[in-house]
C-alpha atoms as a PDB file:
ATOM      1  CA  UNK A   1     -27.793   8.880  -6.891  1.00  0.00           C
ATOM      2  CA  UNK A   2     -24.938  10.734  -8.239  1.00  0.00           C
ATOM      3  CA  UNK A   3     -23.598   7.713 -10.818  1.00  0.00           C
ATOM      4  CA  UNK A   4     -26.856   6.767 -12.466  1.00  0.00           C
ATOM      5  CA  UNK A   5     -28.016  10.439 -13.265  1.00  0.00           C
ATOM      6  CA  UNK A   6     -27.466  12.258 -16.269  1.00  0.00           C
ATOM      7  CA  UNK A   7     -26.094  15.911 -16.804  1.00  0.00           C
ATOM      8  CA  UNK A   8     -28.442  18.813 -17.334  1.00  0.00           C
ATOM      9  CA  UNK A   9     -27.036  19.060 -21.224  1.00  0.00           C
ATOM     10  CA  UNK A  10     -28.047  15.245 -21.655  1.00  0.00           C
ATOM     11  CA  UNK A  11     -24.551  13.921 -22.052  1.00  0.00           C
ATOM     12  CA  UNK A  12     -23.536  10.991 -19.764  1.00  0.00           C
ATOM     13  CA  UNK A  13     -20.857  11.547 -17.328  1.00  0.00           C
ATOM     14  CA  UNK A  14     -16.667  11.058 -18.656  1.00  0.00           C
ATOM     15  CA  UNK A  15     -14.631   8.448 -16.598  1.00  0.00           C
ATOM     16  CA  UNK A  16     -12.581  11.279 -14.783  1.00  0.00           C
ATOM     17  CA  UNK A  17     -16.019  12.764 -13.711  1.00  0.00           C
ATOM     18  CA  UNK A  18     -17.271   9.277 -12.232  1.00  0.00           C
ATOM     19  CA  UNK A  19     -14.027   8.828 -10.308  1.00  0.00           C
ATOM     20  CA  UNK A  20     -14.481  12.120  -8.919  1.00  0.00           C
ATOM     21  CA  UNK A  21     -17.985  11.419  -7.741  1.00  0.00           C
ATOM     22  CA  UNK A  22     -17.192   8.110  -6.518  1.00  0.00           C
ATOM     23  CA  UNK A  23     -14.575  10.061  -4.269  1.00  0.00           C
ATOM     24  CA  UNK A  24     -17.172  12.501  -3.348  1.00  0.00           C
ATOM     25  CA  UNK A  25     -19.597   9.529  -2.220  1.00  0.00           C
ATOM     26  CA  UNK A  26     -17.065   7.856  -0.036  1.00  0.00           C
ATOM     27  CA  UNK A  27     -15.947  11.107   1.749  1.00  0.00           C
ATOM     28  CA  UNK A  28     -19.641  11.926   2.261  1.00  0.00           C
ATOM     29  CA  UNK A  29     -20.020   8.156   3.957  1.00  0.00           C
ATOM     30  CA  UNK A  30     -16.766   8.155   5.767  1.00  0.00           C
ATOM     31  CA  UNK A  31     -17.960  11.743   7.449  1.00  0.00           C
ATOM     32  CA  UNK A  32     -21.244  10.437   8.009  1.00  0.00           C
ATOM     33  CA  UNK A  33     -20.022   7.592   9.860  1.00  0.00           C
ATOM     34  CA  UNK A  34     -17.550   9.290  11.953  1.00  0.00           C
ATOM     35  CA  UNK A  35     -20.157  12.048  13.001  1.00  0.00           C
ATOM     36  CA  UNK A  36     -22.389   9.115  14.390  1.00  0.00           C
ATOM     37  CA  UNK A  37     -19.623   7.407  16.017  1.00  0.00           C
ATOM     38  CA  UNK A  38     -19.063  10.872  18.098  1.00  0.00           C
ATOM     39  CA  UNK A  39     -22.678  10.769  19.297  1.00  0.00           C
ATOM     40  CA  UNK A  40     -22.504   7.084  19.836  1.00  0.00           C
ATOM     41  CA  UNK A  41     -19.406   6.476  21.160  1.00  0.00           C
ATOM     42  CA  UNK A  42     -19.185   3.064  23.216  1.00  0.00           C
ATOM     43  CA  UNK A  43     -17.780   1.868  26.650  1.00  0.00           C
ATOM     44  CA  UNK A  44     -17.793  -1.326  28.306  1.00  0.00           C
ATOM     45  CA  UNK A  45     -17.167  -3.541  25.015  1.00  0.00           C
ATOM     46  CA  UNK A  46     -14.357  -4.735  22.961  1.00  0.00           C
ATOM     47  CA  UNK A  47     -13.427  -2.338  20.226  1.00  0.00           C
ATOM     48  CA  UNK A  48     -13.548  -4.933  17.511  1.00  0.00           C
ATOM     49  CA  UNK A  49     -17.358  -5.446  18.387  1.00  0.00           C
ATOM     50  CA  UNK A  50     -18.825  -2.284  17.359  1.00  0.00           C
ATOM     51  CA  UNK A  51     -16.728  -0.888  14.544  1.00  0.00           C
ATOM     52  CA  UNK A  52     -17.241   1.689  12.575  1.00  0.00           C
ATOM     53  CA  UNK A  53     -18.190   3.111  16.126  1.00  0.00           C
ATOM     54  CA  UNK A  54     -15.463   3.719  18.575  1.00  0.00           C
ATOM     55  CA  UNK A  55     -14.755   4.406  21.815  1.00  0.00           C
ATOM     56  CA  UNK A  56     -13.662   7.730  23.115  1.00  0.00           C
ATOM     57  CA  UNK A  57     -10.488   6.945  23.785  1.00  0.00           C
ATOM     58  CA  UNK A  58      -7.915   3.807  23.250  1.00  0.00           C
ATOM     59  CA  UNK A  59      -5.503   3.815  25.833  1.00  0.00           C
ATOM     60  CA  UNK A  60      -4.534   7.265  26.476  1.00  0.00           C
ATOM     61  CA  UNK A  61      -5.528   8.396  22.888  1.00  0.00           C
ATOM     62  CA  UNK A  62      -8.657  10.645  22.098  1.00  0.00           C
ATOM     63  CA  UNK A  63     -10.416   8.575  19.148  1.00  0.00           C
ATOM     64  CA  UNK A  64     -11.334  11.049  16.618  1.00  0.00           C
ATOM     65  CA  UNK A  65     -12.996   9.026  13.671  1.00  0.00           C
ATOM     66  CA  UNK A  66     -12.593   6.023  11.201  1.00  0.00           C
ATOM     67  CA  UNK A  67      -9.301   5.783   8.926  1.00  0.00           C
ATOM     68  CA  UNK A  68     -10.738   2.595   7.444  1.00  0.00           C
ATOM     69  CA  UNK A  69     -10.177  -0.961   7.959  1.00  0.00           C
ATOM     70  CA  UNK A  70      -8.011  -3.958   5.936  1.00  0.00           C
ATOM     71  CA  UNK A  71      -8.009  -7.423   6.011  1.00  0.00           C
ATOM     72  CA  UNK A  72      -6.820  -8.081   9.350  1.00  0.00           C
ATOM     73  CA  UNK A  73      -7.519  -4.467  11.182  1.00  0.00           C
ATOM     74  CA  UNK A  74      -9.523  -1.890  11.842  1.00  0.00           C
ATOM     75  CA  UNK A  75      -7.585   1.726  11.994  1.00  0.00           C
ATOM     76  CA  UNK A  76      -8.552   4.592  14.018  1.00  0.00           C
ATOM     77  CA  UNK A  77      -7.828   8.319  13.484  1.00  0.00           C
ATOM     78  CA  UNK A  78      -6.629   9.296  17.134  1.00  0.00           C
ATOM     79  CA  UNK A  79      -4.971  12.585  18.768  1.00  0.00           C
ATOM     80  CA  UNK A  80      -1.707  12.024  21.050  1.00  0.00           C
ATOM     81  CA  UNK A  81      -0.857  15.048  23.021  1.00  0.00           C
ATOM     82  CA  UNK A  82      -2.112  17.126  19.726  1.00  0.00           C
ATOM     83  CA  UNK A  83       0.016  14.680  17.255  1.00  0.00           C
ATOM     84  CA  UNK A  84      -2.499  13.107  14.673  1.00  0.00           C
ATOM     85  CA  UNK A  85      -1.913   9.249  14.815  1.00  0.00           C
ATOM     86  CA  UNK A  86      -3.446   6.130  13.251  1.00  0.00           C
ATOM     87  CA  UNK A  87      -4.346   3.723  15.902  1.00  0.00           C
ATOM     88  CA  UNK A  88      -4.867   0.049  14.587  1.00  0.00           C
ATOM     89  CA  UNK A  89      -7.137  -2.899  16.440  1.00  0.00           C
ATOM     90  CA  UNK A  90      -7.066  -6.299  14.990  1.00  0.00           C
ATOM     91  CA  UNK A  91     -10.594  -7.217  14.028  1.00  0.00           C
ATOM     92  CA  UNK A  92     -12.804  -9.949  15.137  1.00  0.00           C
ATOM     93  CA  UNK A  93     -11.331 -12.798  13.141  1.00  0.00           C
ATOM     94  CA  UNK A  94      -7.883 -11.957  13.730  1.00  0.00           C
ATOM     95  CA  UNK A  95      -8.654 -11.821  17.573  1.00  0.00           C
ATOM     96  CA  UNK A  96      -9.774 -15.206  17.590  1.00  0.00           C
ATOM     97  CA  UNK A  97      -7.045 -16.976  15.858  1.00  0.00           C
ATOM     98  CA  UNK A  98      -3.661 -17.308  17.718  1.00  0.00           C
ATOM     99  CA  UNK A  99      -1.444 -17.321  14.168  1.00  0.00           C
ATOM    100  CA  UNK A 100      -3.302 -14.104  13.163  1.00  0.00           C
ATOM    101  CA  UNK A 101      -2.823 -12.412  16.312  1.00  0.00           C
ATOM    102  CA  UNK A 102       1.102 -13.401  16.096  1.00  0.00           C
ATOM    103  CA  UNK A 103       0.918 -11.974  12.682  1.00  0.00           C
ATOM    104  CA  UNK A 104      -0.511  -9.047  13.668  1.00  0.00           C
ATOM    105  CA  UNK A 105       1.739  -8.353  16.496  1.00  0.00           C
ATOM    106  CA  UNK A 106       4.735  -9.094  14.229  1.00  0.00           C
ATOM    107  CA  UNK A 107       4.077  -6.091  12.124  1.00  0.00           C
ATOM    108  CA  UNK A 108       4.783  -3.826  15.359  1.00  0.00           C
ATOM    109  CA  UNK A 109       7.904  -5.621  15.926  1.00  0.00           C
ATOM    110  CA  UNK A 110       9.246  -5.657  12.704  1.00  0.00           C
ATOM    111  CA  UNK A 111       8.887  -1.972  11.824  1.00  0.00           C
ATOM    112  CA  UNK A 112      10.086  -0.956  15.545  1.00  0.00           C
ATOM    113  CA  UNK A 113      13.553  -2.849  14.153  1.00  0.00           C
ATOM    114  CA  UNK A 114      13.937  -0.601  11.148  1.00  0.00           C
ATOM    115  CA  UNK A 115      15.347   2.937  11.045  1.00  0.00           C
ATOM    116  CA  UNK A 116      13.997   4.854   7.539  1.00  0.00           C
ATOM    117  CA  UNK A 117      12.736   7.620   6.264  1.00  0.00           C
ATOM    118  CA  UNK A 118      10.359   5.583   4.215  1.00  0.00           C
ATOM    119  CA  UNK A 119       9.046   2.895   6.517  1.00  0.00           C
ATOM    120  CA  UNK A 120       6.090   3.738   8.356  1.00  0.00           C
ATOM    121  CA  UNK A 121       7.098   4.703  12.304  1.00  0.00           C
ATOM    122  CA  UNK A 122       5.543   2.979  15.193  1.00  0.00           C
ATOM    123  CA  UNK A 123       4.788   5.292  18.114  1.00  0.00           C
ATOM    124  CA  UNK A 124       3.830   2.565  20.652  1.00  0.00           C
ATOM    125  CA  UNK A 125       2.248  -1.035  21.414  1.00  0.00           C
ATOM    126  CA  UNK A 126      -0.351  -1.529  23.943  1.00  0.00           C
ATOM    127  CA  UNK A 127      -3.270  -3.445  25.020  1.00  0.00           C
ATOM    128  CA  UNK A 128      -7.020  -2.413  26.184  1.00  0.00           C
ATOM    129  CA  UNK A 129      -8.036  -4.995  28.052  1.00  0.00           C
ATOM    130  CA  UNK A 130      -7.243  -8.404  26.157  1.00  0.00           C
ATOM    131  CA  UNK A 131      -7.208  -6.318  22.488  1.00  0.00           C
ATOM    132  CA  UNK A 132      -3.767  -4.967  21.333  1.00  0.00           C
ATOM    133  CA  UNK A 133      -3.378  -2.088  19.316  1.00  0.00           C
ATOM    134  CA  UNK A 134      -0.515  -0.178  17.382  1.00  0.00           C
ATOM    135  CA  UNK A 135       0.318   3.399  17.161  1.00  0.00           C
ATOM    136  CA  UNK A 136       1.651   4.475  13.964  1.00  0.00           C
ATOM    137  CA  UNK A 137       2.251   7.606  12.229  1.00  0.00           C
ATOM    138  CA  UNK A 138      -0.578   9.046  10.548  1.00  0.00           C
ATOM    139  CA  UNK A 139       0.312   9.950   6.728  1.00  0.00           C
ATOM    140  CA  UNK A 140      -2.139  12.741   5.760  1.00  0.00           C
ATOM    141  CA  UNK A 141      -2.341  11.943   2.269  1.00  0.00           C
ATOM    142  CA  UNK A 142      -3.672   8.381   2.566  1.00  0.00           C
ATOM    143  CA  UNK A 143      -2.972   5.150   0.490  1.00  0.00           C
ATOM    144  CA  UNK A 144      -1.104   5.155  -2.825  1.00  0.00           C
ATOM    145  CA  UNK A 145      -4.205   3.462  -3.736  1.00  0.00           C
ATOM    146  CA  UNK A 146      -6.520   5.988  -2.941  1.00  0.00           C
ATOM    147  CA  UNK A 147      -4.242   8.720  -4.882  1.00  0.00           C
ATOM    148  CA  UNK A 148      -4.562   6.410  -8.310  1.00  0.00           C
ATOM    149  CA  UNK A 149      -8.399   5.819  -7.855  1.00  0.00           C
ATOM    150  CA  UNK A 150      -8.812   9.724  -7.662  1.00  0.00           C
ATOM    151  CA  UNK A 151      -6.219  10.614 -10.424  1.00  0.00           C
ATOM    152  CA  UNK A 152      -6.128   7.531 -12.445  1.00  0.00           C
ATOM    153  CA  UNK A 153      -2.502   7.099 -13.841  1.00  0.00           C
ATOM    154  CA  UNK A 154       0.265   9.201 -12.480  1.00  0.00           C
ATOM    155  CA  UNK A 155       2.891  11.234 -13.666  1.00  0.00           C
ATOM    156  CA  UNK A 156       5.825   9.682 -14.385  1.00  0.00           C
ATOM    157  CA  UNK A 157       7.906  11.365 -12.366  1.00  0.00           C
ATOM    158  CA  UNK A 158       5.421  11.271  -9.114  1.00  0.00           C
ATOM    159  CA  UNK A 159       5.495   7.229 -10.042  1.00  0.00           C
ATOM    160  CA  UNK A 160       9.339   7.099 -10.168  1.00  0.00           C
ATOM    161  CA  UNK A 161       9.789   9.236  -6.980  1.00  0.00           C
ATOM    162  CA  UNK A 162       7.152   7.008  -5.055  1.00  0.00           C
ATOM    163  CA  UNK A 163       8.928   3.893  -6.539  1.00  0.00           C
ATOM    164  CA  UNK A 164      12.464   5.209  -5.283  1.00  0.00           C
ATOM    165  CA  UNK A 165      11.005   5.912  -1.952  1.00  0.00           C
ATOM    166  CA  UNK A 166       9.538   2.378  -1.467  1.00  0.00           C
ATOM    167  CA  UNK A 167      12.913   1.004  -2.957  1.00  0.00           C
ATOM    168  CA  UNK A 168      14.850   2.804   0.002  1.00  0.00           C
ATOM    169  CA  UNK A 169      12.473   1.574   2.493  1.00  0.00           C
ATOM    170  CA  UNK A 170      12.399  -2.036   1.566  1.00  0.00           C
ATOM    171  CA  UNK A 171      16.511  -1.673   1.608  1.00  0.00           C
ATOM    172  CA  UNK A 172      16.595  -0.775   5.079  1.00  0.00           C
ATOM    173  CA  UNK A 173      14.248  -3.257   5.984  1.00  0.00           C
ATOM    174  CA  UNK A 174      16.199  -5.714   4.164  1.00  0.00           C
ATOM    175  CA  UNK A 175      19.301  -4.392   6.216  1.00  0.00           C
ATOM    176  CA  UNK A 176      17.504  -5.769   9.473  1.00  0.00           C
ATOM    177  CA  UNK A 177      16.606  -9.045   7.929  1.00  0.00           C
ATOM    178  CA  UNK A 178      13.120  -8.155   6.930  1.00  0.00           C
ATOM    179  CA  UNK A 179      11.307  -8.947   3.783  1.00  0.00           C
ATOM    180  CA  UNK A 180       7.717  -7.272   3.009  1.00  0.00           C
ATOM    181  CA  UNK A 181       6.387 -10.116   1.018  1.00  0.00           C
ATOM    182  CA  UNK A 182       3.086  -7.739   0.298  1.00  0.00           C
ATOM    183  CA  UNK A 183       4.050  -4.537  -1.719  1.00  0.00           C
ATOM    184  CA  UNK A 184       1.051  -2.899  -3.312  1.00  0.00           C
ATOM    185  CA  UNK A 185      -0.688   0.142  -3.636  1.00  0.00           C
ATOM    186  CA  UNK A 186      -2.780   0.077  -0.617  1.00  0.00           C
ATOM    187  CA  UNK A 187       0.327  -0.808   1.567  1.00  0.00           C
ATOM    188  CA  UNK A 188       2.114   2.440   0.513  1.00  0.00           C
ATOM    189  CA  UNK A 189       1.277   5.875   2.266  1.00  0.00           C
ATOM    190  CA  UNK A 190       1.702   9.282   1.133  1.00  0.00           C
ATOM    191  CA  UNK A 191       2.305  12.106   3.076  1.00  0.00           C
ATOM    192  CA  UNK A 192       2.089  16.036   2.313  1.00  0.00           C
ATOM    193  CA  UNK A 193       4.756  16.251   0.454  1.00  0.00           C
ATOM    194  CA  UNK A 194       3.822  13.435  -1.645  1.00  0.00           C
ATOM    195  CA  UNK A 195       7.198  11.407   0.013  1.00  0.00           C
ATOM    196  CA  UNK A 196       6.161   7.536   0.108  1.00  0.00           C
ATOM    197  CA  UNK A 197       6.417   5.115   3.186  1.00  0.00           C
ATOM    198  CA  UNK A 198       6.009   1.685   3.428  1.00  0.00           C
ATOM    199  CA  UNK A 199       3.050  -0.021   5.743  1.00  0.00           C
ATOM    200  CA  UNK A 200       1.494  -3.130   6.951  1.00  0.00           C
ATOM    201  CA  UNK A 201       4.267  -5.711   7.710  1.00  0.00           C
ATOM    202  CA  UNK A 202       1.792  -8.348   8.864  1.00  0.00           C
ATOM    203  CA  UNK A 203       2.902 -10.524   6.308  1.00  0.00           C
ATOM    204  CA  UNK A 204       6.461  -9.997   6.793  1.00  0.00           C
ATOM    205  CA  UNK A 205       9.567 -12.741   7.124  1.00  0.00           C
ATOM    206  CA  UNK A 206      11.823 -11.882   9.943  1.00  0.00           C
ATOM    207  CA  UNK A 207      15.081 -14.044   9.301  1.00  0.00           C
ATOM    208  CA  UNK A 208      15.375 -14.838  13.165  1.00  0.00           C
ATOM    209  CA  UNK A 209      11.919 -15.830  13.432  1.00  0.00           C
ATOM    210  CA  UNK A 210       9.633 -19.049  12.467  1.00  0.00           C
ATOM    211  CA  UNK A 211       8.033 -18.198   9.518  1.00  0.00           C
ATOM    212  CA  UNK A 212       4.407 -17.885   9.494  1.00  0.00           C
ATOM    213  CA  UNK A 213       3.799 -19.291   5.966  1.00  0.00           C
ATOM    214  CA  UNK A 214       5.001 -22.612   4.515  1.00  0.00           C
ATOM    215  CA  UNK A 215       6.343 -23.227   0.844  1.00  0.00           C
ATOM    216  CA  UNK A 216       3.666 -23.941  -1.014  1.00  0.00           C
ATOM    217  CA  UNK A 217       0.989 -21.566   0.796  1.00  0.00           C
ATOM    218  CA  UNK A 218      -0.045 -18.389  -1.274  1.00  0.00           C
ATOM    219  CA  UNK A 219       0.406 -15.116   0.695  1.00  0.00           C
ATOM    220  CA  UNK A 220       0.375 -11.317  -0.664  1.00  0.00           C
ATOM    221  CA  UNK A 221      -1.870 -10.092  -3.230  1.00  0.00           C
ATOM    222  CA  UNK A 222      -2.383 -11.699  -6.564  1.00  0.00           C
ATOM    223  CA  UNK A 223      -1.961  -8.802  -8.759  1.00  0.00           C
ATOM    224  CA  UNK A 224       0.998  -8.170  -7.551  1.00  0.00           C
ATOM    225  CA  UNK A 225       2.568 -11.458  -6.916  1.00  0.00           C
ATOM    226  CA  UNK A 226       5.868 -12.424  -8.410  1.00  0.00           C
ATOM    227  CA  UNK A 227       5.691 -15.855 -10.752  1.00  0.00           C
ATOM    228  CA  UNK A 228       7.879 -17.513  -8.081  1.00  0.00           C
ATOM    229  CA  UNK A 229       5.301 -16.718  -5.361  1.00  0.00           C
ATOM    230  CA  UNK A 230       2.621 -17.638  -7.801  1.00  0.00           C
ATOM    231  CA  UNK A 231       4.197 -21.113  -7.782  1.00  0.00           C
ATOM    232  CA  UNK A 232       4.232 -21.393  -4.234  1.00  0.00           C
ATOM    233  CA  UNK A 233       7.889 -20.533  -3.540  1.00  0.00           C
ATOM    234  CA  UNK A 234       8.937 -18.708  -0.469  1.00  0.00           C
ATOM    235  CA  UNK A 235       9.079 -14.855  -1.055  1.00  0.00           C
ATOM    236  CA  UNK A 236      12.244 -13.014  -0.871  1.00  0.00           C
ATOM    237  CA  UNK A 237      13.469  -9.406  -1.916  1.00  0.00           C
ATOM    238  CA  UNK A 238      13.420  -9.978  -5.547  1.00  0.00           C
ATOM    239  CA  UNK A 239       9.580 -11.123  -5.103  1.00  0.00           C
ATOM    240  CA  UNK A 240       9.215  -7.690  -3.475  1.00  0.00           C
ATOM    241  CA  UNK A 241      11.173  -5.933  -6.033  1.00  0.00           C
ATOM    242  CA  UNK A 242       8.527  -7.755  -8.652  1.00  0.00           C
ATOM    243  CA  UNK A 243       5.427  -6.246  -6.362  1.00  0.00           C
ATOM    244  CA  UNK A 244       6.941  -2.638  -6.404  1.00  0.00           C
ATOM    245  CA  UNK A 245       7.700  -3.049 -10.730  1.00  0.00           C
ATOM    246  CA  UNK A 246       3.626  -4.288 -10.497  1.00  0.00           C
ATOM    247  CA  UNK A 247       3.095  -1.489  -8.393  1.00  0.00           C
ATOM    248  CA  UNK A 248       4.731   1.053 -10.698  1.00  0.00           C
ATOM    249  CA  UNK A 249       3.322  -0.366 -13.836  1.00  0.00           C
ATOM    250  CA  UNK A 250      -0.123   0.169 -12.002  1.00  0.00           C
ATOM    251  CA  UNK A 251       0.803   3.682 -11.291  1.00  0.00           C
ATOM    252  CA  UNK A 252       1.565   4.496 -14.862  1.00  0.00           C
ATOM    253  CA  UNK A 253      -1.334   2.949 -16.460  1.00  0.00           C
ATOM    254  CA  UNK A 254      -3.839   3.241 -13.891  1.00  0.00           C
ATOM    255  CA  UNK A 255      -4.274  -0.954 -13.617  1.00  0.00           C
ATOM    256  CA  UNK A 256      -1.900  -3.714 -12.615  1.00  0.00           C
ATOM    257  CA  UNK A 257      -0.325  -5.476 -15.212  1.00  0.00           C
ATOM    258  CA  UNK A 258      -2.048  -8.908 -15.319  1.00  0.00           C
ATOM    259  CA  UNK A 259      -5.883  -8.925 -14.410  1.00  0.00           C
ATOM    260  CA  UNK A 260      -8.435 -11.656 -15.072  1.00  0.00           C
ATOM    261  CA  UNK A 261     -11.515 -13.418 -13.814  1.00  0.00           C
ATOM    262  CA  UNK A 262      -9.964 -15.577 -11.199  1.00  0.00           C
ATOM    263  CA  UNK A 263      -7.239 -15.972  -8.964  1.00  0.00           C
ATOM    264  CA  UNK A 264      -6.065 -18.990 -10.936  1.00  0.00           C
ATOM    265  CA  UNK A 265      -6.157 -16.737 -14.174  1.00  0.00           C
ATOM    266  CA  UNK A 266      -3.880 -13.962 -12.691  1.00  0.00           C
ATOM    267  CA  UNK A 267      -1.630 -16.405 -11.229  1.00  0.00           C
ATOM    268  CA  UNK A 268      -0.903 -18.367 -14.594  1.00  0.00           C
ATOM    269  CA  UNK A 269      -0.560 -14.746 -16.443  1.00  0.00           C
ATOM    270  CA  UNK A 270       2.293 -13.827 -13.860  1.00  0.00           C
ATOM    271  CA  UNK A 271       3.986 -17.175 -14.424  1.00  0.00           C
ATOM    272  CA  UNK A 272       3.535 -17.511 -18.372  1.00  0.00           C
ATOM    273  CA  UNK A 273       1.845 -14.272 -20.213  1.00  0.00           C
ATOM    274  CA  UNK A 274       4.398 -11.638 -21.317  1.00  0.00           C
ATOM    275  CA  UNK A 275       3.635  -8.369 -20.439  1.00  0.00           C
ATOM    276  CA  UNK A 276       0.389  -6.459 -21.515  1.00  0.00           C
ATOM    277  CA  UNK A 277       0.684  -3.199 -23.779  1.00  0.00           C
ATOM    278  CA  UNK A 278       3.756  -1.294 -22.036  1.00  0.00           C
ATOM    279  CA  UNK A 279       3.207   2.074 -20.708  1.00  0.00           C
ATOM    280  CA  UNK A 280       4.660   3.601 -23.280  1.00  0.00           C
ATOM    281  CA  UNK A 281       2.290   2.251 -25.904  1.00  0.00           C
ATOM    282  CA  UNK A 282      -0.431   3.795 -24.047  1.00  0.00           C
ATOM    283  CA  UNK A 283       1.201   6.823 -22.742  1.00  0.00           C
ATOM    284  CA  UNK A 284       3.765   8.252 -25.309  1.00  0.00           C
ATOM    285  CA  UNK A 285       5.372  10.730 -23.116  1.00  0.00           C
ATOM    286  CA  UNK A 286       6.723   7.742 -20.965  1.00  0.00           C
ATOM    287  CA  UNK A 287      10.548   7.762 -21.545  1.00  0.00           C
ATOM    288  CA  UNK A 288      12.391   4.596 -22.879  1.00  0.00           C
ATOM    289  CA  UNK A 289      14.478   4.807 -19.630  1.00  0.00           C
ATOM    290  CA  UNK A 290      11.506   4.079 -17.261  1.00  0.00           C
ATOM    291  CA  UNK A 291       9.921   1.567 -19.483  1.00  0.00           C
ATOM    292  CA  UNK A 292      13.602  -0.510 -19.032  1.00  0.00           C
ATOM    293  CA  UNK A 293      13.950   0.305 -15.532  1.00  0.00           C
ATOM    294  CA  UNK A 294      10.117  -1.387 -15.197  1.00  0.00           C
ATOM    295  CA  UNK A 295      10.687  -4.006 -17.614  1.00  0.00           C
ATOM    296  CA  UNK A 296      13.760  -5.378 -15.623  1.00  0.00           C
ATOM    297  CA  UNK A 297      11.818  -4.981 -12.275  1.00  0.00           C
ATOM    298  CA  UNK A 298       9.244  -7.353 -13.816  1.00  0.00           C
ATOM    299  CA  UNK A 299      11.460  -9.901 -15.416  1.00  0.00           C
ATOM    300  CA  UNK A 300       9.832 -13.504 -15.047  1.00  0.00           C
ATOM    301  CA  UNK A 301      13.478 -15.007 -13.590  1.00  0.00           C
ATOM    302  CA  UNK A 302      14.402 -13.606 -10.439  1.00  0.00           C
ATOM    303  CA  UNK A 303      18.009 -13.594 -11.668  1.00  0.00           C
ATOM    304  CA  UNK A 304      17.652 -10.966 -14.361  1.00  0.00           C
ATOM    305  CA  UNK A 305      16.127  -8.337 -12.098  1.00  0.00           C
ATOM    306  CA  UNK A 306      18.005  -5.613 -10.359  1.00  0.00           C
ATOM    307  CA  UNK A 307      21.147  -7.266  -8.303  1.00  0.00           C
ATOM    308  CA  UNK A 308      20.547  -5.204  -5.611  1.00  0.00           C
ATOM    309  CA  UNK A 309      18.238  -2.771  -3.752  1.00  0.00           C
ATOM    310  CA  UNK A 310      20.920  -0.138  -4.521  1.00  0.00           C
ATOM    311  CA  UNK A 311      21.414  -0.742  -7.977  1.00  0.00           C
ATOM    312  CA  UNK A 312      17.438  -0.333  -8.417  1.00  0.00           C
ATOM    313  CA  UNK A 313      17.557   2.916  -6.472  1.00  0.00           C
ATOM    314  CA  UNK A 314      20.364   4.475  -8.079  1.00  0.00           C
ATOM    315  CA  UNK A 315      18.671   3.573 -11.729  1.00  0.00           C
ATOM    316  CA  UNK A 316      15.466   5.332 -10.448  1.00  0.00           C
ATOM    317  CA  UNK A 317      17.535   8.340  -9.512  1.00  0.00           C
ATOM    318  CA  UNK A 318      19.263   8.665 -12.746  1.00  0.00           C
ATOM    319  CA  UNK A 319      16.119   8.634 -14.741  1.00  0.00           C
ATOM    320  CA  UNK A 320      14.448  11.157 -11.992  1.00  0.00           C
ATOM    321  CA  UNK A 321      17.722  13.784 -12.744  1.00  0.00           C
ATOM    322  CA  UNK A 322      17.733  13.165 -16.243  1.00  0.00           C
ATOM    323  CA  UNK A 323      13.896  13.968 -16.208  1.00  0.00           C
ATOM    324  CA  UNK A 324      14.308  17.250 -14.295  1.00  0.00           C
ATOM    325  CA  UNK A 325      17.270  18.535 -16.693  1.00  0.00           C
ATOM    326  CA  UNK A 326      14.956  18.162 -19.683  1.00  0.00           C
ATOM    327  CA  UNK A 327      12.468  19.736 -17.809  1.00  0.00           C
ATOM    328  CA  UNK A 328      14.738  22.617 -16.802  1.00  0.00           C
ATOM    329  CA  UNK A 329      16.233  22.515 -20.614  1.00  0.00           C
ATOM    330  CA  UNK A 330      12.575  22.866 -21.690  1.00  0.00           C
ATOM    331  CA  UNK A 331      11.638  26.072 -19.377  1.00  0.00           C
ATOM    332  CA  UNK A 332      14.782  27.770 -20.848  1.00  0.00           C
END
């Protein structure tokens, strides 16, 4: 009803107004579902069977509502001794598939090995009956995807800070032999201070474990998939760097670099097409230094990307520092 109407003055809604109305609609629906869940909490059934309803407790955690769902899990808002937490429970499809259950549990294993301020913190791993669940740090601002949908393109400085934080998290994971392999806005969470943390390691490659995918298999998300992954090669940290570059492009422009009407079309464009209009042509205020970083992250040839995460992090830090100095000069 919000989206099909016209304003009193007869003009149609602008894009920014439509985004705001869409966000409002989502929040109304979200709160109605949680309100229903409070009145119809469930007992004696699998958690996965009753979503979006939920039990009053999962383990020793009081459940306050639903945060959302992904391809593998339902995510609930919980309260653990006064601390807000996120509780992930594998969905029905995952619980019915041993390989997918392994993938779900390896996320907790991967994250517990990493010490980083920019990787989601695992608080506990437990079971309720036969259903495993993971208790995670709760990031109040939600996903980067949610922020982009609400605000459209982000400021250059915020985009660079988020990219820096994610690069630090990916570097710290790599030091433990872990490669994420599915970097995208929905897997980047924001805290109240807008610092970013990497989440959802369900597709991670862990060096001392048998891989859960084979050469020639596709995994990850096509809009952020590196050319080598698009050709069925195994992913490495340079593929994660490309995915982070595609995410940075999305932050700066409001859309990922390559889109198409089919999965195959987007894969082809990652492999063969030059970058579409660079953000500098779409937004004149974006600096040439930022465009240089972005272009290098999105090189088709992995060997031409940044040679290490430290090199990438340093380039992002230098650009942020020069931007802060320029802003301070303008203020004077």
